[in-house]
């Protein structure tokens, strides 16, 4: 019973945070798509820049493997949304 309570409590704390982070990602991708559509930025150039930044971050010694995986997933999420 105690484990179930702790799990429910943890889910109650984590789920809203995860939803907010996902919403922030969508807003960020939408902002970049809007700027590209209006001709303010070149989307292909932006995606090349972001790939270079991602590669640089993934090679850095500053991050552990879990953080690097999170960075990779976030960058890949953005790219997939922007290529739609």
PDB file of N, CA and C in Angstrom:
ATOM      1  N   UNK A   1       0.826  -1.194   0.000  1.00  0.00           N
ATOM      2  CA  UNK A   1       0.000   0.000   0.000  1.00  0.00           C
ATOM      3  C   UNK A   1       0.868   1.255   0.000  1.00  0.00           C
ATOM      4  N   UNK A   2       1.933   1.243   0.805  1.00  0.00           N
ATOM      5  CA  UNK A   2       2.798   2.411   0.887  1.00  0.00           C
ATOM      6  C   UNK A   2       3.470   2.688  -0.465  1.00  0.00           C
ATOM      7  N   UNK A   3       3.926   1.630  -1.165  1.00  0.00           N
ATOM      8  CA  UNK A   3       4.569   1.808  -2.465  1.00  0.00           C
ATOM      9  C   UNK A   3       3.592   2.394  -3.483  1.00  0.00           C
ATOM     10  N   UNK A   4       2.355   1.927  -3.437  1.00  0.00           N
ATOM     11  CA  UNK A   4       1.336   2.456  -4.356  1.00  0.00           C
ATOM     12  C   UNK A   4       1.082   3.928  -4.086  1.00  0.00           C
ATOM     13  N   UNK A   5       1.056   4.312  -2.826  1.00  0.00           N
ATOM     14  CA  UNK A   5       0.850   5.714  -2.459  1.00  0.00           C
ATOM     15  C   UNK A   5       2.003   6.579  -2.962  1.00  0.00           C
ATOM     16  N   UNK A   6       3.223   6.103  -2.750  1.00  0.00           N
ATOM     17  CA  UNK A   6       4.398   6.856  -3.188  1.00  0.00           C
ATOM     18  C   UNK A   6       4.405   6.973  -4.711  1.00  0.00           C
ATOM     19  N   UNK A   7       4.055   5.892  -5.407  1.00  0.00           N
ATOM     20  CA  UNK A   7       4.012   5.918  -6.865  1.00  0.00           C
ATOM     21  C   UNK A   7       2.949   6.899  -7.353  1.00  0.00           C
ATOM     22  N   UNK A   8       1.795   6.894  -6.750  1.00  0.00           N
ATOM     23  CA  UNK A   8       0.730   7.826  -7.132  1.00  0.00           C
ATOM     24  C   UNK A   8       1.151   9.273  -6.860  1.00  0.00           C
ATOM     25  N   UNK A   9       1.799   9.493  -5.753  1.00  0.00           N
ATOM     26  CA  UNK A   9       2.287  10.829  -5.417  1.00  0.00           C
ATOM     27  C   UNK A   9       3.336  11.290  -6.434  1.00  0.00           C
ATOM     28  N   UNK A  10       4.264  10.402  -6.764  1.00  0.00           N
ATOM     29  CA  UNK A  10       5.303  10.735  -7.746  1.00  0.00           C
ATOM     30  C   UNK A  10       4.688  11.039  -9.104  1.00  0.00           C
ATOM     31  N   UNK A  11       3.717  10.243  -9.519  1.00  0.00           N
ATOM     32  CA  UNK A  11       3.044  10.489 -10.793  1.00  0.00           C
ATOM     33  C   UNK A  11       2.314  11.829 -10.781  1.00  0.00           C
ATOM     34  N   UNK A  12       1.710  12.161  -9.652  1.00  0.00           N
ATOM     35  CA  UNK A  12       1.010  13.432  -9.528  1.00  0.00           C
ATOM     36  C   UNK A  12       1.946  14.628  -9.634  1.00  0.00           C
ATOM     37  N   UNK A  13       3.185  14.445  -9.246  1.00  0.00           N
ATOM     38  CA  UNK A  13       4.179  15.518  -9.329  1.00  0.00           C
ATOM     39  C   UNK A  13       4.800  15.570 -10.724  1.00  0.00           C
ATOM     40  N   UNK A  14       5.154  14.419 -11.257  1.00  0.00           N
ATOM     41  CA  UNK A  14       5.902  14.352 -12.512  1.00  0.00           C
ATOM     42  C   UNK A  14       5.027  14.610 -13.738  1.00  0.00           C
ATOM     43  N   UNK A  15       3.832  14.065 -13.774  1.00  0.00           N
ATOM     44  CA  UNK A  15       2.995  14.175 -14.974  1.00  0.00           C
ATOM     45  C   UNK A  15       2.740  15.618 -15.410  1.00  0.00           C
ATOM     46  N   UNK A  16       2.389  16.531 -14.521  1.00  0.00           N
ATOM     47  CA  UNK A  16       2.201  17.918 -14.977  1.00  0.00           C
ATOM     48  C   UNK A  16       3.484  18.553 -15.511  1.00  0.00           C
ATOM     49  N   UNK A  17       4.622  18.190 -14.932  1.00  0.00           N
ATOM     50  CA  UNK A  17       5.899  18.724 -15.401  1.00  0.00           C
ATOM     51  C   UNK A  17       6.192  18.218 -16.812  1.00  0.00           C
ATOM     52  N   UNK A  18       5.979  16.936 -17.040  1.00  0.00           N
ATOM     53  CA  UNK A  18       6.213  16.352 -18.357  1.00  0.00           C
ATOM     54  C   UNK A  18       5.294  16.985 -19.391  1.00  0.00           C
ATOM     55  N   UNK A  19       4.035  17.175 -19.040  1.00  0.00           N
ATOM     56  CA  UNK A  19       3.091  17.802 -19.965  1.00  0.00           C
ATOM     57  C   UNK A  19       3.520  19.230 -20.295  1.00  0.00           C
ATOM     58  N   UNK A  20       3.994  19.969 -19.324  1.00  0.00           N
ATOM     59  CA  UNK A  20       4.439  21.334 -19.555  1.00  0.00           C
ATOM     60  C   UNK A  20       5.674  21.369 -20.444  1.00  0.00           C
ATOM     61  N   UNK A  21       6.620  20.470 -20.211  1.00  0.00           N
ATOM     62  CA  UNK A  21       7.814  20.411 -21.058  1.00  0.00           C
ATOM     63  C   UNK A  21       7.457  20.079 -22.501  1.00  0.00           C
ATOM     64  N   UNK A  22       6.506  19.161 -22.677  1.00  0.00           N
ATOM     65  CA  UNK A  22       6.065  18.800 -24.026  1.00  0.00           C
ATOM     66  C   UNK A  22       5.388  19.993 -24.700  1.00  0.00           C
ATOM     67  N   UNK A  23       4.548  20.700 -23.961  1.00  0.00           N
ATOM     68  CA  UNK A  23       3.883  21.893 -24.511  1.00  0.00           C
ATOM     69  C   UNK A  23       4.921  22.946 -24.893  1.00  0.00           C
ATOM     70  N   UNK A  24       5.934  23.136 -24.067  1.00  0.00           N
ATOM     71  CA  UNK A  24       6.990  24.100 -24.378  1.00  0.00           C
ATOM     72  C   UNK A  24       7.722  23.712 -25.663  1.00  0.00           C
ATOM     73  N   UNK A  25       7.961  22.424 -25.846  1.00  0.00           N
ATOM     74  CA  UNK A  25       8.620  21.958 -27.063  1.00  0.00           C
ATOM     75  C   UNK A  25       7.778  22.250 -28.295  1.00  0.00           C
ATOM     76  N   UNK A  26       6.479  22.016 -28.188  1.00  0.00           N
ATOM     77  CA  UNK A  26       5.581  22.288 -29.318  1.00  0.00           C
ATOM     78  C   UNK A  26       5.544  23.771 -29.647  1.00  0.00           C
ATOM     79  N   UNK A  27       5.512  24.602 -28.631  1.00  0.00           N
ATOM     80  CA  UNK A  27       5.509  26.055 -28.843  1.00  0.00           C
ATOM     81  C   UNK A  27       6.821  26.493 -29.506  1.00  0.00           C
ATOM     82  N   UNK A  28       7.928  25.942 -29.045  1.00  0.00           N
ATOM     83  CA  UNK A  28       9.219  26.277 -29.642  1.00  0.00           C
ATOM     84  C   UNK A  28       9.283  25.870 -31.109  1.00  0.00           C
ATOM     85  N   UNK A  29       8.836  24.665 -31.417  1.00  0.00           N
ATOM     86  CA  UNK A  29       8.829  24.207 -32.813  1.00  0.00           C
ATOM     87  C   UNK A  29       7.884  25.064 -33.646  1.00  0.00           C
ATOM     88  N   UNK A  30       6.748  25.416 -33.078  1.00  0.00           N
ATOM     89  CA  UNK A  30       5.793  26.265 -33.793  1.00  0.00           C
ATOM     90  C   UNK A  30       6.360  27.642 -34.076  1.00  0.00           C
ATOM     91  N   UNK A  31       7.092  28.186 -33.142  1.00  0.00           N
ATOM     92  CA  UNK A  31       7.706  29.504 -33.334  1.00  0.00           C
ATOM     93  C   UNK A  31       8.724  29.474 -34.471  1.00  0.00           C
ATOM     94  N   UNK A  32       9.544  28.441 -34.509  1.00  0.00           N
ATOM     95  CA  UNK A  32      10.542  28.309 -35.572  1.00  0.00           C
ATOM     96  C   UNK A  32       9.840  28.111 -36.917  1.00  0.00           C
ATOM     97  N   UNK A  33       8.810  27.287 -36.954  1.00  0.00           N
ATOM     98  CA  UNK A  33       8.067  27.064 -38.203  1.00  0.00           C
ATOM     99  C   UNK A  33       7.443  28.365 -38.700  1.00  0.00           C
ATOM    100  N   UNK A  34       6.900  29.155 -37.799  1.00  0.00           N
ATOM    101  CA  UNK A  34       6.298  30.438 -38.171  1.00  0.00           C
ATOM    102  C   UNK A  34       7.347  31.382 -38.757  1.00  0.00           C
ATOM    103  N   UNK A  35       8.483  31.484 -38.097  1.00  0.00           N
ATOM    104  CA  UNK A  35       9.545  32.363 -38.589  1.00  0.00           C
ATOM    105  C   UNK A  35      10.047  31.919 -39.962  1.00  0.00           C
ATOM    106  N   UNK A  36      10.123  30.617 -40.165  1.00  0.00           N
ATOM    107  CA  UNK A  36      10.552  30.101 -41.464  1.00  0.00           C
ATOM    108  C   UNK A  36       9.499  30.395 -42.531  1.00  0.00           C
ATOM    109  N   UNK A  37       8.239  30.223 -42.175  1.00  0.00           N
ATOM    110  CA  UNK A  37       7.156  30.487 -43.131  1.00  0.00           C
ATOM    111  C   UNK A  37       7.122  31.958 -43.540  1.00  0.00           C
ATOM    112  N   UNK A  38       7.435  32.842 -42.625  1.00  0.00           N
ATOM    113  CA  UNK A  38       7.428  34.285 -42.901  1.00  0.00           C
ATOM    114  C   UNK A  38       8.718  34.752 -43.567  1.00  0.00           C
ATOM    115  N   UNK A  39       9.662  33.845 -43.736  1.00  0.00           N
ATOM    116  CA  UNK A  39      10.908  34.188 -44.399  1.00  0.00           C
ATOM    117  C   UNK A  39      11.926  34.874 -43.512  1.00  0.00           C
ATOM    118  N   UNK A  40      11.691  34.864 -42.223  1.00  0.00           N
ATOM    119  CA  UNK A  40      12.628  35.502 -41.292  1.00  0.00           C
ATOM    120  C   UNK A  40      13.896  34.654 -41.147  1.00  0.00           C
ATOM    121  N   UNK A  41      13.721  33.339 -41.155  1.00  0.00           N
ATOM    122  CA  UNK A  41      14.870  32.432 -41.082  1.00  0.00           C
ATOM    123  C   UNK A  41      14.760  31.399 -42.195  1.00  0.00           C
ATOM    124  N   UNK A  42      15.890  30.851 -42.561  1.00  0.00           N
ATOM    125  CA  UNK A  42      15.938  29.759 -43.533  1.00  0.00           C
ATOM    126  C   UNK A  42      15.873  28.446 -42.751  1.00  0.00           C
ATOM    127  N   UNK A  43      14.812  27.686 -42.938  1.00  0.00           N
ATOM    128  CA  UNK A  43      14.597  26.476 -42.140  1.00  0.00           C
ATOM    129  C   UNK A  43      15.705  25.450 -42.352  1.00  0.00           C
ATOM    130  N   UNK A  44      16.132  25.256 -43.595  1.00  0.00           N
ATOM    131  CA  UNK A  44      17.205  24.288 -43.844  1.00  0.00           C
ATOM    132  C   UNK A  44      18.490  24.686 -43.129  1.00  0.00           C
ATOM    133  N   UNK A  45      18.811  25.970 -43.186  1.00  0.00           N
ATOM    134  CA  UNK A  45      20.003  26.471 -42.498  1.00  0.00           C
ATOM    135  C   UNK A  45      19.867  26.293 -40.986  1.00  0.00           C
ATOM    136  N   UNK A  46      18.677  26.573 -40.465  1.00  0.00           N
ATOM    137  CA  UNK A  46      18.420  26.406 -39.030  1.00  0.00           C
ATOM    138  C   UNK A  46      18.604  24.941 -38.622  1.00  0.00           C
ATOM    139  N   UNK A  47      18.057  24.018 -39.419  1.00  0.00           N
ATOM    140  CA  UNK A  47      18.169  22.602 -39.086  1.00  0.00           C
ATOM    141  C   UNK A  47      19.622  22.130 -39.146  1.00  0.00           C
ATOM    142  N   UNK A  48      20.387  22.639 -40.103  1.00  0.00           N
ATOM    143  CA  UNK A  48      21.819  22.299 -40.160  1.00  0.00           C
ATOM    144  C   UNK A  48      22.531  22.812 -38.912  1.00  0.00           C
ATOM    145  N   UNK A  49      22.216  24.040 -38.522  1.00  0.00           N
ATOM    146  CA  UNK A  49      22.813  24.610 -37.314  1.00  0.00           C
ATOM    147  C   UNK A  49      22.460  23.764 -36.083  1.00  0.00           C
ATOM    148  N   UNK A  50      21.202  23.395 -35.975  1.00  0.00           N
ATOM    149  CA  UNK A  50      20.768  22.612 -34.817  1.00  0.00           C
ATOM    150  C   UNK A  50      21.420  21.228 -34.806  1.00  0.00           C
ATOM    151  N   UNK A  51      21.605  20.621 -35.974  1.00  0.00           N
ATOM    152  CA  UNK A  51      22.309  19.329 -36.032  1.00  0.00           C
ATOM    153  C   UNK A  51      23.741  19.471 -35.557  1.00  0.00           C
ATOM    154  N   UNK A  52      24.384  20.546 -35.975  1.00  0.00           N
ATOM    155  CA  UNK A  52      25.758  20.797 -35.549  1.00  0.00           C
ATOM    156  C   UNK A  52      25.825  21.011 -34.035  1.00  0.00           C
ATOM    157  N   UNK A  53      24.886  21.781 -33.510  1.00  0.00           N
ATOM    158  CA  UNK A  53      24.833  22.017 -32.064  1.00  0.00           C
ATOM    159  C   UNK A  53      24.583  20.716 -31.310  1.00  0.00           C
ATOM    160  N   UNK A  54      23.636  19.906 -31.809  1.00  0.00           N
ATOM    161  CA  UNK A  54      23.347  18.617 -31.171  1.00  0.00           C
ATOM    162  C   UNK A  54      24.592  17.744 -31.145  1.00  0.00           C
ATOM    163  N   UNK A  55      25.277  17.636 -32.285  1.00  0.00           N
ATOM    164  CA  UNK A  55      26.485  16.809 -32.346  1.00  0.00           C
ATOM    165  C   UNK A  55      27.534  17.292 -31.359  1.00  0.00           C
ATOM    166  N   UNK A  56      27.675  18.593 -31.260  1.00  0.00           N
ATOM    167  CA  UNK A  56      28.641  19.176 -30.336  1.00  0.00           C
ATOM    168  C   UNK A  56      28.284  18.845 -28.885  1.00  0.00           C
ATOM    169  N   UNK A  57      27.013  18.977 -28.548  1.00  0.00           N
ATOM    170  CA  UNK A  57      26.579  18.672 -27.180  1.00  0.00           C
ATOM    171  C   UNK A  57      26.742  17.188 -26.850  1.00  0.00           C
ATOM    172  N   UNK A  58      26.460  16.336 -27.824  1.00  0.00           N
ATOM    173  CA  UNK A  58      26.564  14.896 -27.580  1.00  0.00           C
ATOM    174  C   UNK A  58      28.009  14.440 -27.433  1.00  0.00           C
ATOM    175  N   UNK A  59      28.940  15.193 -27.963  1.00  0.00           N
ATOM    176  CA  UNK A  59      30.352  14.839 -27.836  1.00  0.00           C
ATOM    177  C   UNK A  59      31.005  15.454 -26.599  1.00  0.00           C
ATOM    178  N   UNK A  60      30.313  16.371 -25.958  1.00  0.00           N
ATOM    179  CA  UNK A  60      30.880  17.058 -24.791  1.00  0.00           C
ATOM    180  C   UNK A  60      31.005  16.100 -23.611  1.00  0.00           C
ATOM    181  N   UNK A  61      32.018  16.319 -22.814  1.00  0.00           N
ATOM    182  CA  UNK A  61      32.243  15.506 -21.617  1.00  0.00           C
ATOM    183  C   UNK A  61      31.429  16.010 -20.424  1.00  0.00           C
ATOM    184  N   UNK A  62      30.702  17.107 -20.616  1.00  0.00           N
ATOM    185  CA  UNK A  62      29.964  17.735 -19.514  1.00  0.00           C
ATOM    186  C   UNK A  62      28.685  16.994 -19.124  1.00  0.00           C
ATOM    187  N   UNK A  63      28.242  16.074 -19.963  1.00  0.00           N
ATOM    188  CA  UNK A  63      26.939  15.441 -19.740  1.00  0.00           C
ATOM    189  C   UNK A  63      27.076  13.931 -19.586  1.00  0.00           C
ATOM    190  N   UNK A  64      26.226  13.357 -18.721  1.00  0.00           N
ATOM    191  CA  UNK A  64      26.205  11.907 -18.600  1.00  0.00           C
ATOM    192  C   UNK A  64      25.361  11.321 -19.737  1.00  0.00           C
ATOM    193  N   UNK A  65      25.341  10.005 -19.849  1.00  0.00           N
ATOM    194  CA  UNK A  65      24.661   9.363 -20.980  1.00  0.00           C
ATOM    195  C   UNK A  65      23.153   9.608 -20.978  1.00  0.00           C
ATOM    196  N   UNK A  66      22.527   9.676 -19.812  1.00  0.00           N
ATOM    197  CA  UNK A  66      21.080   9.950 -19.754  1.00  0.00           C
ATOM    198  C   UNK A  66      20.763  11.355 -20.257  1.00  0.00           C
ATOM    199  N   UNK A  67      21.597  12.317 -19.880  1.00  0.00           N
ATOM    200  CA  UNK A  67      21.395  13.692 -20.330  1.00  0.00           C
ATOM    201  C   UNK A  67      21.620  13.785 -21.832  1.00  0.00           C
ATOM    202  N   UNK A  68      22.623  13.105 -22.332  1.00  0.00           N
ATOM    203  CA  UNK A  68      22.886  13.105 -23.772  1.00  0.00           C
ATOM    204  C   UNK A  68      21.717  12.493 -24.534  1.00  0.00           C
ATOM    205  N   UNK A  69      21.144  11.439 -24.006  1.00  0.00           N
ATOM    206  CA  UNK A  69      19.987  10.821 -24.662  1.00  0.00           C
ATOM    207  C   UNK A  69      18.800  11.779 -24.658  1.00  0.00           C
ATOM    208  N   UNK A  70      18.594  12.493 -23.567  1.00  0.00           N
ATOM    209  CA  UNK A  70      17.509  13.480 -23.501  1.00  0.00           C
ATOM    210  C   UNK A  70      17.744  14.610 -24.508  1.00  0.00           C
ATOM    211  N   UNK A  71      18.987  15.061 -24.627  1.00  0.00           N
ATOM    212  CA  UNK A  71      19.321  16.098 -25.609  1.00  0.00           C
ATOM    213  C   UNK A  71      19.017  15.594 -27.016  1.00  0.00           C
ATOM    214  N   UNK A  72      19.453  14.391 -27.320  1.00  0.00           N
ATOM    215  CA  UNK A  72      19.221  13.820 -28.646  1.00  0.00           C
ATOM    216  C   UNK A  72      17.728  13.723 -28.937  1.00  0.00           C
ATOM    217  N   UNK A  73      16.957  13.229 -27.992  1.00  0.00           N
ATOM    218  CA  UNK A  73      15.516  13.077 -28.206  1.00  0.00           C
ATOM    219  C   UNK A  73      14.833  14.420 -28.418  1.00  0.00           C
ATOM    220  N   UNK A  74      15.237  15.432 -27.669  1.00  0.00           N
ATOM    221  CA  UNK A  74      14.629  16.759 -27.809  1.00  0.00           C
ATOM    222  C   UNK A  74      14.942  17.362 -29.177  1.00  0.00           C
ATOM    223  N   UNK A  75      16.199  17.272 -29.584  1.00  0.00           N
ATOM    224  CA  UNK A  75      16.573  17.799 -30.896  1.00  0.00           C
ATOM    225  C   UNK A  75      15.858  17.036 -32.009  1.00  0.00           C
ATOM    226  N   UNK A  76      15.787  15.707 -31.892  1.00  0.00           N
ATOM    227  CA  UNK A  76      15.100  14.907 -32.908  1.00  0.00           C
ATOM    228  C   UNK A  76      13.610  15.238 -32.954  1.00  0.00           C
ATOM    229  N   UNK A  77      13.007  15.472 -31.801  1.00  0.00           N
ATOM    230  CA  UNK A  77      11.598  15.855 -31.742  1.00  0.00           C
ATOM    231  C   UNK A  77      11.363  17.149 -32.529  1.00  0.00           C
ATOM    232  N   UNK A  78      12.192  18.150 -32.262  1.00  0.00           N
ATOM    233  CA  UNK A  78      12.085  19.432 -32.964  1.00  0.00           C
ATOM    234  C   UNK A  78      12.211  19.245 -34.468  1.00  0.00           C
ATOM    235  N   UNK A  79      13.220  18.491 -34.870  1.00  0.00           N
ATOM    236  CA  UNK A  79      13.439  18.318 -36.304  1.00  0.00           C
ATOM    237  C   UNK A  79      12.263  17.615 -36.959  1.00  0.00           C
ATOM    238  N   UNK A  80      11.733  16.603 -36.331  1.00  0.00           N
ATOM    239  CA  UNK A  80      10.579  15.897 -36.898  1.00  0.00           C
ATOM    240  C   UNK A  80       9.374  16.814 -37.023  1.00  0.00           C
ATOM    241  N   UNK A  81       9.136  17.630 -36.028  1.00  0.00           N
ATOM    242  CA  UNK A  81       7.999  18.558 -36.074  1.00  0.00           C
ATOM    243  C   UNK A  81       8.194  19.624 -37.143  1.00  0.00           C
ATOM    244  N   UNK A  82       9.415  20.096 -37.306  1.00  0.00           N
ATOM    245  CA  UNK A  82       9.684  21.160 -38.267  1.00  0.00           C
ATOM    246  C   UNK A  82       9.692  20.663 -39.711  1.00  0.00           C
ATOM    247  N   UNK A  83       9.945  19.392 -39.913  1.00  0.00           N
ATOM    248  CA  UNK A  83       9.961  18.841 -41.267  1.00  0.00           C
ATOM    249  C   UNK A  83       8.568  18.488 -41.767  1.00  0.00           C
ATOM    250  N   UNK A  84       7.581  18.583 -40.918  1.00  0.00           N
ATOM    251  CA  UNK A  84       6.206  18.227 -41.298  1.00  0.00           C
ATOM    252  C   UNK A  84       5.643  19.197 -42.304  1.00  0.00           C
TER     253      UNK A  84
END
